[in-house]
Protein backbone atom coordinates (compact mmCIF):
# COMPACT_ATOMS: atom_id res chain seq x y z
CA MET A 1 0.01 -0.01 0.11
CA LYS A 2 3.24 2.70 1.12
CA ARG A 3 4.02 2.26 -2.75
CA LEU A 4 0.82 3.75 -4.23
CA PRO A 5 0.95 6.90 -5.68
CA TRP A 6 -0.96 8.93 -3.00
CA SER A 7 0.09 11.80 -4.24
CA THR A 8 -0.76 12.08 -7.78
CA LEU A 9 -4.04 10.07 -7.48
CA THR A 10 -5.32 12.70 -5.23
CA VAL A 11 -3.87 15.90 -7.42
CA SER A 12 -5.51 13.62 -10.88
CA VAL A 13 -9.21 13.30 -8.89
CA LEU A 14 -9.16 16.88 -8.25
CA ALA A 15 -8.39 17.75 -12.09
CA VAL A 16 -11.51 15.30 -12.60
CA ILE A 17 -13.62 17.01 -9.96
CA ILE A 18 -13.26 20.97 -11.08
CA HIS A 19 -13.02 20.02 -14.62
CA PHE A 20 -17.00 18.83 -14.19
CA VAL A 21 -17.89 21.77 -11.85
CA PRO A 22 -17.32 24.30 -14.47
CA ALA A 23 -17.70 27.11 -11.79
CA LEU A 24 -14.45 26.24 -10.07
CA GLY A 25 -12.75 26.00 -13.33
CA ASN A 26 -13.71 29.69 -13.49
CA VAL A 27 -12.34 29.96 -9.85
CA LEU A 28 -8.94 28.47 -10.14
CA GLN A 29 -8.00 29.33 -13.12
CA PHE A 30 -5.28 31.47 -14.26
CA ASP A 31 -6.47 34.60 -14.72
CA ARG A 32 -3.96 37.91 -15.19
CA ALA A 33 -7.23 40.37 -13.62
CA ALA A 34 -7.84 38.26 -10.40
CA VAL A 35 -4.10 37.60 -9.69
CA ALA A 36 -3.30 41.60 -10.26
CA HIS A 37 -5.97 42.10 -7.80
CA GLY A 38 -4.33 39.65 -4.92
CA GLN A 39 -5.91 36.29 -6.06
CA VAL A 40 -2.21 34.42 -6.13
CA TRP A 41 -3.84 30.86 -5.77
CA ARG A 42 -4.38 30.82 -8.73
CA PHE A 43 -0.97 30.44 -9.76
CA PHE A 44 -0.87 27.29 -8.73
CA SER A 45 -4.74 25.94 -8.70
CA ALA A 46 -4.43 26.74 -12.83
CA HIS A 47 -2.84 23.64 -13.24
CA LEU A 48 -5.80 21.47 -12.15
CA THR A 49 -8.31 23.61 -14.62
CA HIS A 50 -8.53 22.68 -18.41
CA PHE A 51 -10.28 23.87 -21.35
CA GLY A 52 -11.82 20.93 -22.70
CA ASP A 53 -12.33 17.20 -22.58
CA ASP A 54 -9.79 16.63 -25.04
CA HIS A 55 -7.36 19.07 -22.90
CA LEU A 56 -8.07 17.06 -19.64
CA ARG A 57 -7.88 13.71 -21.11
CA TRP A 58 -4.63 13.67 -22.67
CA ASP A 59 -2.79 15.60 -20.09
CA LEU A 60 -4.39 13.35 -17.20
CA LEU A 61 -2.77 10.76 -19.06
CA ALA A 62 0.22 12.03 -18.62
CA PHE A 63 0.42 12.52 -15.35
CA VAL A 64 -1.20 9.40 -13.96
CA ILE A 65 1.92 8.00 -15.92
CA LEU A 66 4.49 9.99 -14.90
CA GLY A 67 3.22 11.19 -11.98
CA ALA A 68 3.43 7.70 -10.76
CA MET A 69 7.03 6.71 -11.79
CA ALA A 70 8.43 10.32 -10.20
CA GLU A 71 6.52 9.67 -7.10
CA ARG A 72 7.65 6.12 -6.72
CA ILE A 73 11.57 7.34 -7.45
CA SER A 74 11.17 9.92 -4.06
CA ARG A 75 7.32 11.22 -3.26
CA ARG A 76 9.83 14.14 -1.99
CA ALA A 77 11.44 14.82 -4.63
CA PHE A 78 7.80 14.30 -6.69
CA LEU A 79 6.15 17.01 -4.57
CA LEU A 80 9.02 19.41 -4.86
CA THR A 81 8.63 19.04 -8.46
CA LEU A 82 4.96 19.86 -8.30
CA GLY A 83 5.07 22.91 -6.48
CA VAL A 84 7.84 25.20 -8.12
CA SER A 85 7.21 24.40 -11.18
CA ALA A 86 3.44 25.20 -10.69
CA LEU A 87 4.61 28.37 -9.22
CA ILE A 88 7.61 28.39 -12.23
CA ILE A 89 5.49 28.34 -15.49
CA SER A 90 2.73 30.61 -13.99
CA THR A 91 5.02 33.16 -13.40
CA GLY A 92 6.32 32.75 -16.24
CA VAL A 93 3.12 33.17 -18.43
CA TRP A 94 2.65 36.11 -16.21
CA VAL A 95 5.97 37.87 -17.04
CA ALA A 96 6.89 36.84 -20.54
CA GLN A 97 3.05 35.61 -22.29
CA PRO A 98 1.71 39.01 -21.62
CA GLN A 99 -1.05 38.01 -24.30
CA PHE A 100 -2.24 35.48 -22.43
CA THR A 101 -5.42 36.80 -20.30
CA THR A 102 -5.96 32.78 -18.53
CA TYR A 103 -4.17 29.94 -18.47
CA ARG A 104 -5.28 26.12 -17.76
CA GLY A 105 -3.65 22.67 -17.85
CA LEU A 106 -1.62 19.86 -16.24
CA SER A 107 0.96 19.98 -19.52
CA GLY A 108 3.76 21.93 -17.56
CA ILE A 109 3.14 19.92 -15.08
CA ASP A 110 3.32 17.18 -17.47
CA SER A 111 7.02 18.20 -18.66
CA ALA A 112 7.95 18.97 -15.57
CA LEU A 113 7.63 15.45 -14.37
CA PHE A 114 8.79 13.77 -17.86
CA SER A 115 12.30 15.97 -16.91
CA PHE A 116 12.77 14.80 -13.80
CA VAL A 117 11.88 11.00 -14.99
CA ILE A 118 14.71 11.30 -17.78
CA ALA A 119 17.15 13.29 -16.04
CA ASP A 120 16.38 10.55 -13.00
CA LEU A 121 17.37 7.36 -15.85
CA LEU A 122 20.63 9.38 -17.39
CA ALA A 123 22.04 10.20 -13.33
CA THR A 124 21.13 6.08 -12.53
CA GLY A 125 22.79 5.14 -15.82
CA TRP A 126 25.24 7.43 -15.22
CA ARG A 127 26.29 6.66 -11.99
CA GLU A 128 26.43 2.48 -12.54
CA ARG A 129 27.64 2.73 -15.91
CA HIS A 130 24.68 1.70 -17.71
CA ARG A 131 25.10 1.99 -21.46
CA PHE A 132 20.98 0.78 -22.19
CA SER A 133 19.86 3.43 -19.85
CA LEU A 134 21.95 6.08 -20.74
CA ILE A 135 20.87 5.51 -24.51
CA VAL A 136 17.44 5.38 -23.57
CA GLY A 137 17.54 8.56 -21.40
CA VAL A 138 19.41 11.20 -24.08
CA ALA A 139 16.70 9.64 -26.65
CA ALA A 140 13.92 10.65 -24.84
CA LEU A 141 15.42 14.20 -23.57
CA GLY A 142 15.94 14.45 -27.37
CA GLY A 143 12.50 14.14 -28.25
CA PHE A 144 11.06 16.70 -25.85
CA LEU A 145 13.69 18.85 -27.18
CA ALA A 146 11.81 18.01 -30.41
CA LYS A 147 8.42 18.28 -29.08
CA CYS A 148 9.48 21.90 -28.18
CA VAL A 149 10.89 23.19 -31.06
CA PHE A 150 8.05 21.85 -32.72
CA GLU A 151 5.25 23.81 -30.64
CA VAL A 152 7.71 27.35 -30.65
CA LEU A 153 7.60 26.97 -35.03
CA THR A 154 4.38 26.10 -36.10
CA GLY A 155 2.21 27.19 -33.07
CA ASN A 156 0.48 23.81 -32.39
CA THR A 157 0.65 21.19 -29.71
CA VAL A 158 1.76 17.54 -30.42
CA PHE A 159 -1.03 15.67 -28.79
CA VAL A 160 -3.88 18.08 -28.19
CA GLU A 161 -5.73 19.74 -30.99
CA ALA A 162 -6.05 22.98 -29.59
CA GLY A 163 -8.04 24.92 -32.36
CA GLU A 164 -10.27 27.61 -31.64
CA VAL A 165 -10.34 26.45 -27.64
CA PHE A 166 -7.14 27.79 -26.91
CA ALA A 167 -3.76 28.63 -27.36
CA PRO A 168 -0.71 26.06 -27.16
CA VAL A 169 2.34 27.56 -24.69
CA PRO A 170 5.05 26.13 -25.40
CA LEU A 171 7.37 28.00 -22.62
CA ALA A 172 5.18 26.44 -20.24
CA HIS A 173 6.65 22.98 -21.39
CA LEU A 174 10.34 24.65 -21.59
CA LEU A 175 10.06 25.87 -17.78
CA GLY A 176 8.22 22.91 -16.69
CA GLY A 177 11.58 20.71 -18.26
CA ALA A 178 13.90 23.02 -16.64
CA VAL A 179 12.23 22.49 -13.02
CA GLY A 180 12.57 18.31 -13.71
CA ALA A 181 15.79 18.41 -14.40
CA ALA A 182 16.72 21.21 -12.06
CA VAL A 183 15.40 18.82 -8.58
CA VAL A 184 17.46 16.31 -9.66
CA MET A 185 20.42 17.83 -9.94
CA TRP A 186 19.81 19.07 -6.55
CA GLN A 187 19.18 15.92 -5.58
CA SER A 188 22.16 14.91 -6.97
CA VAL A 189 24.13 17.22 -5.30
CA ARG A 190 22.28 17.00 -2.23
CA HIS A 191 23.24 13.43 -1.98
CA ARG A 192 26.83 13.69 -2.21
CA ALA A 193 26.86 15.78 0.41
CA ILE A 194 25.58 13.68 2.90
CA GLN A 195 27.36 10.79 1.69
CA GLN A 196 30.74 12.49 1.26
CA PRO A 197 31.36 12.94 5.16
CA LEU A 198 29.84 9.68 6.14
CA GLN A 199 32.54 7.96 3.79
CA LEU A 200 35.59 10.60 5.14
CA ARG A 201 34.46 8.96 9.10
CA GLY A 202 34.39 5.46 7.75
CA ALA A 203 38.11 5.89 6.15
CA ASP A 204 38.55 7.39 9.57
CA ARG A 205 37.80 4.41 11.30
CA LEU A 206 39.48 2.04 9.31
CA GLN A 207 43.13 3.70 9.94
């Protein structure tokens, strides 16, 4: 039971409930005017709202799969990735994308989780000299970057048909990807900082 990704499941259920109660979506979405009037919670809650069934379906499918993988690697790191990416993405939209008066969706956080999982795979592959993990990780990272470039150049999304319902926000995916990788790097540095003194103490005892 402890291995069940409870945090991922909880967030997923919240996203579904919010989607089927339109009034909640309006209250929780990123709304530039509302944020300017102090409703800063929307920086976080916006990611639980979606513009349509197709938007929710693809975002939630990716979130459940990637969230479960990330949470099993480290629940603490998963929650850190979730919170930091939500804040960074919304801040990026607020500062760098003034043309967007509203923003919804888990896709930016999905990108953060994808990057987290792949960065962890690469870090593990490098540490254990596992060539196959490195090849898979590099290929997946290349695919993610290619997807982002496609979205920037064409203004279209790869999986969801945006159409007239909403406009894609490639910046959200890039920022999310950066956060996921940064969390893994922070974890690695923190792990080394903890392990190095322990190794030195062990060496001193052997002398």
